[in-house]
Amino acid sequence: MMKAISHLLFLFLTFNSCRPIPGTQGTPEPLGENELMALVGGGVLPENLVAEIRDRGVAFHPDDYFGSQLRNAGADPAAAEAAYERELKVTAELDGAQSANMAGPFQSLGRNALIQRDYASAEKFFFRAVDVNEKVFGEGSDKVAYSLLDASSVYVAQKDYAKAETYLLRALNTEESLHGREGVDLLMPLANVCALYDKWGKPDKLEPYNRQMIAVLEKQFGANSPQLVSTLTSEAHTLRSLGRPKEATDVENRLASIRSATMNPH
């Protein structure tokens, strides 16, 4: 099966730059991503799979999902890396090296490197994506904020929490300036900041961000939504660790009420 996947990627890289145009007379429809992965997962004979790709080509750009599917099928992450590098080259040729479309392949390369614990490469690729987004969209854009979340993951993985904090707070501050302190777009950066301080063992820093997360969740889902359970649990634990038992008990009582309502909706 591994040989089949490797052969598949070789053909993908070979034919990706000359994809047939759908609907052209005499040219079969190119393979879509789902159809191709179905062939791989279905155990089609390698020679038949090769012939299918050779005859039809492919009609999609490799992304993170494509890479995860290949890994799930048994391919080495290095194989996905080759696909992403090819996509980066094609994007530069078609759209220009300063195009916003360059950020996607850089981010995919960074995540793929992070999976392999190649932290130096992951850092390089993630910050290339940050650079592209800054130049195209400006430092205060959503695109930059979310690429900073990717970059921070390199430092979290190495337990360099102080360095990760710098980029996570920058991402969060950017989102706050765009959407306010309770905007739904803050959910991801807030979750990352809370997770950082929890891993780092910094309850004094975690507690105010827990409260902010609760406020965002309340606005989006309602004060009694089960969506709040995880953050409320963290808040109760954090308050106890900070020597604030009365506040912790209040949060725990609220948790019990939400859980009771969830189990007995009528």
Protein backbone atom coordinates (compact mmCIF):
# COMPACT_ATOMS: atom_id res chain seq x y z
CA MET A 1 0.00 0.00 0.00
CA MET A 2 2.89 2.38 0.82
CA LYS A 3 4.33 1.86 -2.66
CA ALA A 4 0.95 2.64 -4.16
CA ILE A 5 0.71 5.91 -2.19
CA SER A 6 4.26 6.92 -3.14
CA HIS A 7 3.56 6.20 -6.79
CA LEU A 8 0.34 8.15 -6.49
CA LEU A 9 2.16 11.20 -5.16
CA PHE A 10 4.81 10.99 -7.88
CA LEU A 11 2.10 11.11 -10.49
CA PHE A 12 0.27 13.86 -8.65
CA LEU A 13 3.37 16.04 -8.67
CA THR A 14 4.06 15.24 -12.30
CA PHE A 15 0.61 15.98 -13.64
CA ASN A 16 -0.57 18.71 -11.25
CA SER A 17 0.87 21.50 -13.39
CA CYS A 18 -0.88 20.32 -16.55
CA ARG A 19 -4.38 19.55 -15.32
CA PRO A 20 -6.87 18.82 -18.08
CA ILE A 21 -9.69 21.33 -18.48
CA PRO A 22 -13.06 19.84 -17.52
CA GLY A 23 -15.43 19.57 -20.43
CA THR A 24 -12.81 19.68 -23.17
CA GLN A 25 -13.82 17.39 -25.99
CA GLY A 26 -11.88 14.13 -25.89
CA THR A 27 -10.46 14.85 -22.43
CA PRO A 28 -11.86 12.85 -19.49
CA GLU A 29 -12.91 14.70 -16.35
CA PRO A 30 -9.98 15.09 -13.95
CA LEU A 31 -10.08 13.23 -10.65
CA GLY A 32 -11.54 15.15 -7.73
CA GLU A 33 -9.93 14.83 -4.31
CA ASN A 34 -12.71 12.73 -2.79
CA GLU A 35 -12.76 10.40 -5.77
CA LEU A 36 -8.99 9.97 -5.66
CA MET A 37 -8.94 9.25 -1.93
CA ALA A 38 -11.78 6.78 -2.39
CA LEU A 39 -9.65 4.92 -4.91
CA VAL A 40 -6.72 4.88 -2.50
CA GLY A 41 -8.82 3.75 0.45
CA GLY A 42 -10.66 1.19 -1.64
CA GLY A 43 -7.48 -0.76 -2.33
CA VAL A 44 -7.49 -0.28 -6.09
CA LEU A 45 -4.58 -2.08 -7.75
CA PRO A 46 -1.55 0.21 -8.04
CA GLU A 47 -1.26 -0.21 -11.80
CA ASN A 48 -4.94 0.67 -12.25
CA LEU A 49 -4.60 3.72 -10.03
CA VAL A 50 -1.56 4.86 -12.01
CA ALA A 51 -3.44 4.44 -15.29
CA GLU A 52 -6.43 6.39 -13.94
CA ILE A 53 -4.34 9.36 -12.86
CA ARG A 54 -2.26 9.25 -16.03
CA ASP A 55 -5.40 9.30 -18.17
CA ARG A 56 -7.36 11.89 -16.20
CA GLY A 57 -5.00 14.06 -14.14
CA VAL A 58 -6.19 15.75 -10.92
CA ALA A 59 -8.33 18.83 -10.36
CA PHE A 60 -7.47 20.08 -6.86
CA HIS A 61 -4.76 21.75 -4.83
CA PRO A 62 -3.19 19.73 -1.99
CA ASP A 63 -4.09 21.09 1.44
CA ASP A 64 -3.80 19.99 5.08
CA TYR A 65 -6.74 17.64 4.76
CA PHE A 66 -5.14 16.02 1.73
CA GLY A 67 -1.97 15.50 3.74
CA SER A 68 -3.82 14.00 6.71
CA GLN A 69 -5.67 11.62 4.43
CA LEU A 70 -2.40 10.46 2.90
CA ARG A 71 -0.92 9.90 6.35
CA ASN A 72 -4.01 7.97 7.41
CA ALA A 73 -3.56 5.80 4.33
CA GLY A 74 0.00 5.00 5.45
CA ALA A 75 2.06 7.60 3.58
CA ASP A 76 5.08 9.21 5.22
CA PRO A 77 4.71 12.96 6.01
CA ALA A 78 7.64 13.55 3.67
CA ALA A 79 5.36 12.55 0.81
CA ALA A 80 2.84 15.27 1.67
CA GLU A 81 5.74 17.73 1.97
CA ALA A 82 6.66 17.07 -1.65
CA ALA A 83 3.09 17.83 -2.71
CA TYR A 84 3.03 21.08 -0.75
CA GLU A 85 6.37 22.16 -2.21
CA ARG A 86 5.02 21.52 -5.69
CA GLU A 87 1.91 23.55 -4.87
CA LEU A 88 4.11 26.39 -3.60
CA LYS A 89 6.08 26.40 -6.83
CA VAL A 90 2.96 26.34 -9.01
CA THR A 91 1.36 29.13 -6.97
CA ALA A 92 4.45 31.32 -7.32
CA GLU A 93 4.53 30.73 -11.07
CA LEU A 94 0.82 31.42 -11.59
CA ASP A 95 0.13 34.16 -9.02
CA GLY A 96 3.54 35.61 -8.19
CA ALA A 97 5.80 35.14 -5.18
CA GLN A 98 4.09 38.01 -3.31
CA SER A 99 0.57 36.69 -3.83
CA ALA A 100 -1.75 36.12 -0.87
CA ASN A 101 -2.18 32.58 -2.18
CA MET A 102 1.38 31.78 -1.14
CA ALA A 103 0.39 31.77 2.54
CA GLY A 104 -1.62 28.53 2.26
CA PRO A 105 1.23 26.31 1.01
CA PHE A 106 3.60 27.86 3.56
CA GLN A 107 1.16 27.06 6.37
CA SER A 108 0.69 23.50 5.10
CA LEU A 109 4.45 23.03 4.95
CA GLY A 110 4.75 24.39 8.48
CA ARG A 111 2.12 22.05 9.90
CA ASN A 112 3.63 19.09 8.09
CA ALA A 113 7.07 19.95 9.51
CA LEU A 114 5.59 20.33 12.99
CA ILE A 115 4.11 16.82 12.76
CA GLN A 116 7.64 15.57 12.07
CA ARG A 117 9.00 17.66 14.97
CA ASP A 118 11.15 19.58 12.54
CA TYR A 119 10.71 22.74 14.55
CA ALA A 120 13.22 24.85 12.66
CA SER A 121 11.47 24.21 9.34
CA ALA A 122 8.02 24.68 10.88
CA GLU A 123 9.07 28.04 12.32
CA LYS A 124 10.51 29.13 8.98
CA PHE A 125 7.40 28.21 6.99
CA PHE A 126 4.92 29.65 9.47
CA PHE A 127 6.69 32.99 9.56
CA ARG A 128 6.86 33.05 5.78
CA ALA A 129 3.06 32.83 5.90
CA VAL A 130 2.93 35.64 8.48
CA ASP A 131 5.14 37.77 6.24
CA VAL A 132 2.95 37.17 3.19
CA ASN A 133 -0.22 38.04 5.09
CA GLU A 134 1.30 41.17 6.61
CA LYS A 135 2.40 42.47 3.21
CA VAL A 136 -0.91 41.73 1.51
CA PHE A 137 -3.49 42.40 4.24
CA GLY A 138 -1.66 44.56 6.80
CA GLU A 139 -0.42 43.81 10.31
CA GLY A 140 -3.86 44.25 11.87
CA SER A 141 -5.72 41.69 9.77
CA ASP A 142 -7.47 38.44 10.68
CA LYS A 143 -5.16 36.63 8.28
CA VAL A 144 -2.10 37.72 10.24
CA ALA A 145 -3.72 36.85 13.57
CA TYR A 146 -4.48 33.30 12.51
CA SER A 147 -1.05 32.77 10.96
CA LEU A 148 0.44 33.90 14.29
CA LEU A 149 -1.54 31.16 16.03
CA ASP A 150 0.17 28.64 13.76
CA ALA A 151 3.58 30.14 14.49
CA SER A 152 3.00 30.01 18.26
CA SER A 153 2.34 26.27 18.07
CA VAL A 154 6.03 25.68 17.32
CA TYR A 155 7.01 27.17 20.67
CA VAL A 156 4.20 25.47 22.59
CA ALA A 157 5.39 22.13 21.22
CA GLN A 158 8.88 22.89 22.57
CA LYS A 159 7.49 24.21 25.88
CA ASP A 160 8.93 27.64 25.15
CA TYR A 161 5.81 29.18 26.63
CA ALA A 162 7.18 32.69 27.05
CA LYS A 163 7.87 32.96 23.34
CA ALA A 164 4.52 31.44 22.43
CA GLU A 165 2.82 33.98 24.72
CA THR A 166 4.19 36.89 22.67
CA TYR A 167 2.56 35.72 19.45
CA LEU A 168 -0.66 34.46 21.02
CA LEU A 169 -1.33 37.75 22.77
CA ARG A 170 -0.55 39.64 19.60
CA ALA A 171 -3.08 37.49 17.73
CA LEU A 172 -5.69 37.98 20.45
CA ASN A 173 -5.15 41.75 20.59
CA THR A 174 -5.54 41.94 16.82
CA GLU A 175 -8.86 40.10 16.96
CA GLU A 176 -10.06 42.30 19.82
CA SER A 177 -9.27 45.45 17.87
CA LEU A 178 -11.28 44.12 14.93
CA HIS A 179 -14.24 42.47 16.67
CA GLY A 180 -14.39 43.72 20.27
CA ARG A 181 -13.77 41.77 23.47
CA GLU A 182 -16.77 39.47 23.03
CA GLY A 183 -16.73 38.79 19.29
CA VAL A 184 -17.09 35.21 18.12
CA ASP A 185 -13.80 35.53 16.24
CA LEU A 186 -12.02 35.64 19.60
CA LEU A 187 -12.93 32.05 20.42
CA MET A 188 -9.91 30.45 18.77
CA PRO A 189 -7.21 32.86 19.98
CA LEU A 190 -8.75 32.89 23.48
CA ALA A 191 -8.80 29.10 23.56
CA ASN A 192 -5.13 29.06 22.59
CA VAL A 193 -4.20 31.63 25.25
CA CYS A 194 -6.12 29.72 27.95
CA ALA A 195 -4.50 26.44 26.92
CA LEU A 196 -1.07 28.08 27.05
CA TYR A 197 -1.46 29.37 30.60
CA ASP A 198 -2.94 26.06 31.72
CA LYS A 199 0.05 24.13 30.31
CA TRP A 200 2.43 26.72 31.72
CA GLY A 201 0.92 26.52 35.21
CA LYS A 202 0.05 30.24 35.37
CA PRO A 203 -3.40 30.40 37.05
CA ASP A 204 -3.01 34.12 37.78
CA LYS A 205 -2.71 34.79 34.05
CA LEU A 206 -5.27 32.18 33.05
CA GLU A 207 -8.16 33.41 35.22
CA PRO A 208 -8.98 36.70 33.43
CA TYR A 209 -8.88 35.00 30.04
CA ASN A 210 -11.18 32.26 31.33
CA ARG A 211 -13.63 35.00 32.32
CA GLN A 212 -13.35 36.61 28.91
CA MET A 213 -13.92 33.25 27.22
CA ILE A 214 -17.02 32.70 29.36
CA ALA A 215 -18.37 36.11 28.31
CA VAL A 216 -17.82 35.31 24.62
CA LEU A 217 -19.50 31.91 24.97
CA GLU A 218 -22.44 33.41 26.87
CA LYS A 219 -22.99 35.96 24.13
CA GLN A 220 -22.89 33.32 21.41
CA PHE A 221 -24.71 30.41 23.06
CA GLY A 222 -26.54 31.74 26.13
CA ALA A 223 -25.73 31.77 29.84
CA ASN A 224 -26.92 28.20 30.44
CA SER A 225 -25.45 26.54 27.38
CA PRO A 226 -23.46 23.31 27.83
CA GLN A 227 -20.86 24.98 25.60
CA LEU A 228 -19.70 26.76 28.78
CA VAL A 229 -19.01 23.60 30.79
CA SER A 230 -15.36 23.14 29.84
CA THR A 231 -14.36 26.75 30.49
CA LEU A 232 -16.40 26.96 33.70
CA THR A 233 -14.68 23.80 34.95
CA SER A 234 -11.31 25.38 34.22
CA GLU A 235 -12.40 28.60 35.95
CA ALA A 236 -13.50 26.77 39.11
CA HIS A 237 -10.20 24.87 39.29
CA THR A 238 -8.23 28.06 38.65
CA LEU A 239 -10.06 30.03 41.34
CA ARG A 240 -9.37 27.30 43.91
CA SER A 241 -5.68 27.27 42.99
CA LEU A 242 -5.63 31.04 43.53
CA GLY A 243 -7.14 30.69 47.02
CA ARG A 244 -10.59 32.03 46.09
CA PRO A 245 -12.84 29.18 47.29
CA LYS A 246 -16.11 31.16 47.56
CA GLU A 247 -15.92 32.25 43.90
CA ALA A 248 -14.96 28.71 42.92
CA THR A 249 -18.02 27.33 44.72
CA ASP A 250 -20.28 29.79 42.90
CA VAL A 251 -18.88 28.62 39.57
CA GLU A 252 -19.27 24.96 40.58
CA ASN A 253 -22.91 25.57 41.55
CA ARG A 254 -23.50 27.12 38.15
CA LEU A 255 -21.87 24.11 36.52
CA ALA A 256 -24.13 21.75 38.43
CA SER A 257 -27.17 23.73 37.30
CA ILE A 258 -26.14 23.60 33.63
CA ARG A 259 -25.42 19.87 33.81
CA SER A 260 -28.73 19.19 35.52
CA ALA A 261 -30.63 21.16 32.87
CA THR A 262 -28.76 19.33 30.13
CA MET A 263 -29.57 15.90 31.57
CA ASN A 264 -33.21 16.84 32.28
CA PRO A 265 -34.18 19.22 29.46
CA HIS A 266 -37.89 19.01 30.31
